[in-house]
Amino acid sequence: MYALRLECRHEDKDLLAAELWERGTAGIIEEDLPKGRCCLRAFFETPFEMAGGSWEWDEPKDWVEESHAQWKPLLIGRRFFLVPAWQDDPAPPGRLRLEFQTGMACGTGWHPATQLALEAMEQHVEPGATVLDVGTGSGILSLAAGLLGAGRVFACDIDASAVAVAAERCRQASFFVGSARSVRPASIDVLVANINAEALIQLAREIARVLKPGGRAILSGFPVRRLERVQAAFRPQEVLTKEEWAALVC
């Protein structure tokens, strides 16, 4: 089997991995590199053209099993137990078992930005709340909202393929292709958006429009170096950081 080797920044890792899954890789192995970079090795039966990639031959192995072995359960915040869907580890007492599945849409919960969003959600999503997940990706934040007892969960993404994948694995949410612009005013208790800084800034008015009085917006997905720009577009009550990533609660 052939191994495609690609180097990238840590913040680009999830998107690159999603593209490799879409191309049909049998598995991906990650390796940390100096200066905030990482190496992905993805395994394919046949080489193809990929910008910035180099190919090498590897002895046949079960690369699905090999890549699965890299994923271990992880405690996030005070309430979540993040675990691969193919493992049956029970959640520790007081924890909610949040499953992830690698696949076409990125978003496994291992990224610091996603973890910041989850930590904020456990503070602000109350039982019965109406939650909107903007830029849902793999649907992991919608799954988390359901586990926290949200009454209704709506989720959207401009990527139709991501919506299809997320809707298949998170049936308690209502998914649609689009953005917050499609949601009626003052209808959402908690909005969570784990997307980039530019998209958040562009959606600032829509985010304010859809929130109920006293509602909360949890905004993540951007590095600390973009924090001032995002803060200027919102009125954050709280700023959270993890490694090189930031999140706001507004």
Protein backbone atom coordinates (compact mmCIF):
# COMPACT_ATOMS: atom_id res chain seq x y z
CA MET A 1 0.00 0.00 0.00
CA TYR A 2 1.18 3.53 -0.73
CA ALA A 3 1.59 6.19 1.96
CA LEU A 4 1.07 9.85 1.12
CA ARG A 5 3.09 12.14 3.38
CA LEU A 6 1.89 15.72 3.89
CA GLU A 7 3.12 18.43 6.25
CA CYS A 8 0.85 21.25 7.45
CA ARG A 9 0.17 23.66 10.30
CA HIS A 10 -1.75 22.22 13.25
CA GLU A 11 -4.68 24.55 12.59
CA ASP A 12 -5.00 23.16 9.02
CA LYS A 13 -4.83 19.52 10.06
CA ASP A 14 -8.58 18.81 10.34
CA LEU A 15 -9.43 20.26 6.93
CA LEU A 16 -6.60 18.37 5.26
CA ALA A 17 -7.62 15.14 6.97
CA ALA A 18 -11.21 15.65 5.81
CA GLU A 19 -10.02 15.94 2.21
CA LEU A 20 -7.99 12.75 2.55
CA TRP A 21 -11.01 10.85 3.92
CA GLU A 22 -13.08 12.13 1.00
CA ARG A 23 -10.44 10.77 -1.38
CA GLY A 24 -10.90 7.32 0.18
CA THR A 25 -7.89 6.83 2.42
CA ALA A 26 -7.71 3.57 4.36
CA GLY A 27 -6.40 5.42 7.40
CA ILE A 28 -4.37 8.39 8.59
CA ILE A 29 -1.48 8.54 11.05
CA GLU A 30 -0.45 11.87 12.60
CA GLU A 31 2.96 12.95 13.86
CA ASP A 32 3.79 16.20 15.65
CA LEU A 33 6.60 18.29 14.18
CA PRO A 34 8.47 21.30 15.60
CA LYS A 35 7.20 24.89 15.29
CA GLY A 36 3.49 24.10 15.43
CA ARG A 37 3.46 21.80 12.41
CA CYS A 38 2.42 18.20 11.95
CA CYS A 39 2.79 15.40 9.44
CA LEU A 40 -0.10 13.32 8.11
CA ARG A 41 0.53 9.93 6.50
CA ALA A 42 -2.51 8.70 4.57
CA PHE A 43 -2.70 5.26 2.99
CA PHE A 44 -4.06 4.48 -0.47
CA GLU A 45 -4.04 1.57 -2.89
CA THR A 46 -2.98 3.81 -5.79
CA PRO A 47 -0.97 7.06 -5.84
CA PHE A 48 -2.44 10.25 -7.32
CA GLU A 49 -1.41 13.87 -7.75
CA MET A 50 -1.57 15.87 -4.49
CA ALA A 51 0.04 19.28 -4.13
CA GLY A 52 2.77 19.31 -1.50
CA GLY A 53 2.64 15.54 -0.95
CA SER A 54 5.22 12.81 -1.38
CA TRP A 55 4.57 9.08 -1.85
CA GLU A 56 6.35 6.08 -0.40
CA TRP A 57 5.66 2.35 -0.38
CA ASP A 58 4.66 0.69 2.90
CA GLU A 59 4.41 -2.98 3.66
CA PRO A 60 0.77 -4.12 3.75
CA LYS A 61 -0.92 -3.61 7.14
CA ASP A 62 -4.41 -3.05 8.42
CA TRP A 63 -4.12 0.73 8.24
CA VAL A 64 -7.68 1.23 9.45
CA GLU A 65 -6.78 -0.59 12.66
CA GLU A 66 -3.44 1.23 12.79
CA SER A 67 -5.06 4.67 12.55
CA HIS A 68 -7.86 3.72 14.96
CA ALA A 69 -5.22 2.79 17.54
CA GLN A 70 -4.10 6.44 17.65
CA TRP A 71 -7.44 7.66 18.99
CA LYS A 72 -7.86 7.38 22.76
CA PRO A 73 -10.67 8.53 25.07
CA LEU A 74 -10.26 12.08 26.32
CA LEU A 75 -11.78 14.04 29.20
CA ILE A 76 -12.99 17.51 28.17
CA GLY A 77 -14.13 20.11 30.68
CA ARG A 78 -16.09 18.84 33.67
CA ARG A 79 -18.73 16.78 31.87
CA PHE A 80 -17.60 15.29 28.58
CA PHE A 81 -15.92 11.97 27.87
CA LEU A 82 -14.81 12.07 24.22
CA VAL A 83 -14.42 8.59 22.79
CA PRO A 84 -14.11 7.02 19.30
CA ALA A 85 -17.38 5.45 18.18
CA TRP A 86 -15.65 2.11 17.59
CA GLN A 87 -14.60 1.82 21.26
CA ASP A 88 -16.99 0.71 23.99
CA ASP A 89 -15.32 2.42 26.96
CA PRO A 90 -18.05 3.54 29.39
CA ALA A 91 -18.10 7.15 30.54
CA PRO A 92 -16.69 7.75 34.03
CA PRO A 93 -19.26 8.68 36.69
CA GLY A 94 -20.67 12.14 36.11
CA ARG A 95 -19.42 12.30 32.51
CA LEU A 96 -21.35 12.30 29.23
CA ARG A 97 -20.11 9.88 26.56
CA LEU A 98 -19.57 11.97 23.40
CA GLU A 99 -18.70 9.80 20.41
CA PHE A 100 -16.81 10.90 17.32
CA GLN A 101 -16.26 9.16 14.01
CA THR A 102 -13.54 10.03 11.51
CA GLY A 103 -14.91 10.43 8.03
CA MET A 104 -15.74 12.89 5.27
CA ALA A 105 -16.49 15.87 7.52
CA CYS A 106 -13.80 17.10 9.85
CA GLY A 107 -14.38 17.61 13.56
CA THR A 108 -13.38 14.92 16.00
CA GLY A 109 -13.35 17.06 19.14
CA TRP A 110 -9.59 16.81 19.55
CA HIS A 111 -8.93 20.28 18.20
CA PRO A 112 -8.45 22.90 20.97
CA ALA A 113 -11.06 25.19 19.37
CA THR A 114 -13.70 22.47 19.54
CA GLN A 115 -12.76 21.70 23.13
CA LEU A 116 -13.21 25.37 24.05
CA ALA A 117 -16.68 25.32 22.52
CA LEU A 118 -17.57 22.16 24.46
CA GLU A 119 -16.31 23.63 27.74
CA ALA A 120 -18.42 26.75 27.22
CA MET A 121 -21.48 24.71 26.20
CA GLU A 122 -21.47 22.74 29.42
CA GLN A 123 -21.71 26.05 31.27
CA HIS A 124 -24.46 27.64 29.20
CA VAL A 125 -26.67 24.96 27.58
CA GLU A 126 -29.47 24.32 30.06
CA PRO A 127 -32.07 21.53 29.85
CA GLY A 128 -34.80 22.45 27.38
CA ALA A 129 -32.76 25.15 25.64
CA THR A 130 -33.03 25.80 21.90
CA VAL A 131 -29.55 25.54 20.38
CA LEU A 132 -28.26 26.58 16.96
CA ASP A 133 -24.99 25.06 15.73
CA VAL A 134 -23.63 27.28 12.92
CA GLY A 135 -21.03 25.61 10.69
CA THR A 136 -21.81 22.23 12.19
CA GLY A 137 -19.14 20.25 10.27
CA SER A 138 -19.25 16.72 11.68
CA GLY A 139 -22.14 17.57 14.03
CA ILE A 140 -20.16 16.94 17.20
CA LEU A 141 -21.39 20.14 18.90
CA SER A 142 -24.99 19.24 18.03
CA LEU A 143 -24.45 15.85 19.61
CA ALA A 144 -23.05 17.57 22.69
CA ALA A 145 -26.07 19.89 22.93
CA GLY A 146 -28.39 16.89 22.90
CA LEU A 147 -26.39 15.19 25.65
CA LEU A 148 -26.64 18.36 27.76
CA GLY A 149 -30.43 18.18 27.55
CA ALA A 150 -31.22 20.79 24.89
CA GLY A 151 -34.90 20.76 23.97
CA ARG A 152 -34.39 21.52 20.28
CA VAL A 153 -31.16 21.54 18.28
CA PHE A 154 -30.81 23.13 14.86
CA ALA A 155 -27.60 22.79 12.88
CA CYS A 156 -26.45 24.27 9.59
CA ASP A 157 -23.47 24.34 7.28
CA ILE A 158 -22.84 25.79 3.82
CA ASP A 159 -21.22 22.45 2.85
CA ALA A 160 -24.01 20.11 1.76
CA SER A 161 -21.81 17.02 2.15
CA ALA A 162 -21.00 17.94 5.75
CA VAL A 163 -24.72 18.37 6.48
CA ALA A 164 -25.49 14.95 5.00
CA VAL A 165 -22.82 13.23 7.10
CA ALA A 166 -23.73 15.07 10.30
CA ALA A 167 -27.47 14.41 9.87
CA GLU A 168 -26.79 10.69 9.52
CA ARG A 169 -24.95 10.42 12.83
CA CYS A 170 -26.89 12.99 14.88
CA ARG A 171 -30.58 12.29 14.46
CA GLN A 172 -31.76 14.41 17.40
CA ALA A 173 -30.92 17.65 15.55
CA SER A 174 -32.62 19.34 12.60
CA PHE A 175 -30.02 20.01 9.90
CA PHE A 176 -30.18 22.37 6.94
CA VAL A 177 -27.83 23.76 4.30
CA GLY A 178 -27.33 27.46 4.97
CA SER A 179 -26.45 29.77 7.84
CA ALA A 180 -27.92 31.86 10.66
CA ARG A 181 -29.59 34.10 8.07
CA SER A 182 -32.23 31.39 7.62
CA VAL A 183 -33.28 31.43 11.30
CA ARG A 184 -36.11 33.61 12.60
CA PRO A 185 -35.34 36.44 15.03
CA ALA A 186 -35.12 35.95 18.81
CA SER A 187 -35.60 32.18 18.60
CA ILE A 188 -32.33 30.76 19.95
CA ASP A 189 -31.18 30.37 23.57
CA VAL A 190 -27.61 29.31 22.78
CA LEU A 191 -25.82 29.73 19.47
CA VAL A 192 -22.50 27.94 19.01
CA ALA A 193 -20.24 28.63 16.04
CA ASN A 194 -16.87 26.91 15.70
CA ILE A 195 -15.76 28.60 12.48
CA ASN A 196 -13.09 31.05 11.38
CA ALA A 197 -12.72 34.66 12.50
CA GLU A 198 -13.75 36.22 9.19
CA ALA A 199 -16.99 34.24 9.02
CA LEU A 200 -17.85 35.12 12.62
CA ILE A 201 -17.32 38.82 11.99
CA GLN A 202 -19.49 38.71 8.86
CA LEU A 203 -22.27 36.96 10.81
CA ALA A 204 -22.17 39.26 13.85
CA ARG A 205 -25.49 40.98 13.10
CA GLU A 206 -27.25 37.72 12.28
CA ILE A 207 -25.96 36.12 15.46
CA ALA A 208 -27.34 39.00 17.53
CA ARG A 209 -30.63 38.89 15.60
CA VAL A 210 -31.43 35.21 16.23
CA LEU A 211 -30.63 35.21 19.97
CA LYS A 212 -33.45 35.52 22.48
CA PRO A 213 -33.09 38.25 25.13
CA GLY A 214 -30.55 36.87 27.59
CA GLY A 215 -29.33 34.32 25.05
CA ARG A 216 -25.68 33.37 24.67
CA ALA A 217 -23.37 33.05 21.68
CA ILE A 218 -20.37 30.73 22.00
CA LEU A 219 -17.85 31.63 19.31
CA SER A 220 -14.76 29.58 18.60
CA GLY A 221 -12.55 28.35 15.78
CA PHE A 222 -10.03 31.19 15.56
CA PRO A 223 -6.43 31.56 16.80
CA VAL A 224 -5.47 33.96 19.60
CA ARG A 225 -3.84 36.27 17.06
CA ARG A 226 -7.35 37.00 15.66
CA LEU A 227 -8.88 37.60 19.09
CA GLU A 228 -8.93 41.40 19.00
CA ARG A 229 -10.68 41.46 15.62
CA VAL A 230 -13.43 39.12 16.78
CA GLN A 231 -13.83 40.92 20.10
CA ALA A 232 -14.36 44.20 18.24
CA ALA A 233 -17.39 42.72 16.46
CA PHE A 234 -19.05 41.36 19.63
CA ARG A 235 -19.45 42.19 23.31
CA PRO A 236 -17.87 39.19 25.01
CA GLN A 237 -18.64 38.44 28.62
CA GLU A 238 -15.93 35.81 28.76
CA VAL A 239 -12.75 34.98 26.85
CA LEU A 240 -11.40 31.42 26.88
CA THR A 241 -8.06 30.25 25.52
CA LYS A 242 -6.41 26.88 25.01
CA GLU A 243 -2.95 26.55 23.46
CA GLU A 244 -3.00 28.98 20.49
CA TRP A 245 -6.80 29.11 20.17
CA ALA A 246 -9.52 31.36 21.60
CA ALA A 247 -13.28 31.42 22.19
CA LEU A 248 -15.78 34.04 23.31
CA VAL A 249 -19.03 33.84 25.26
CA CYS A 250 -21.26 36.79 24.33
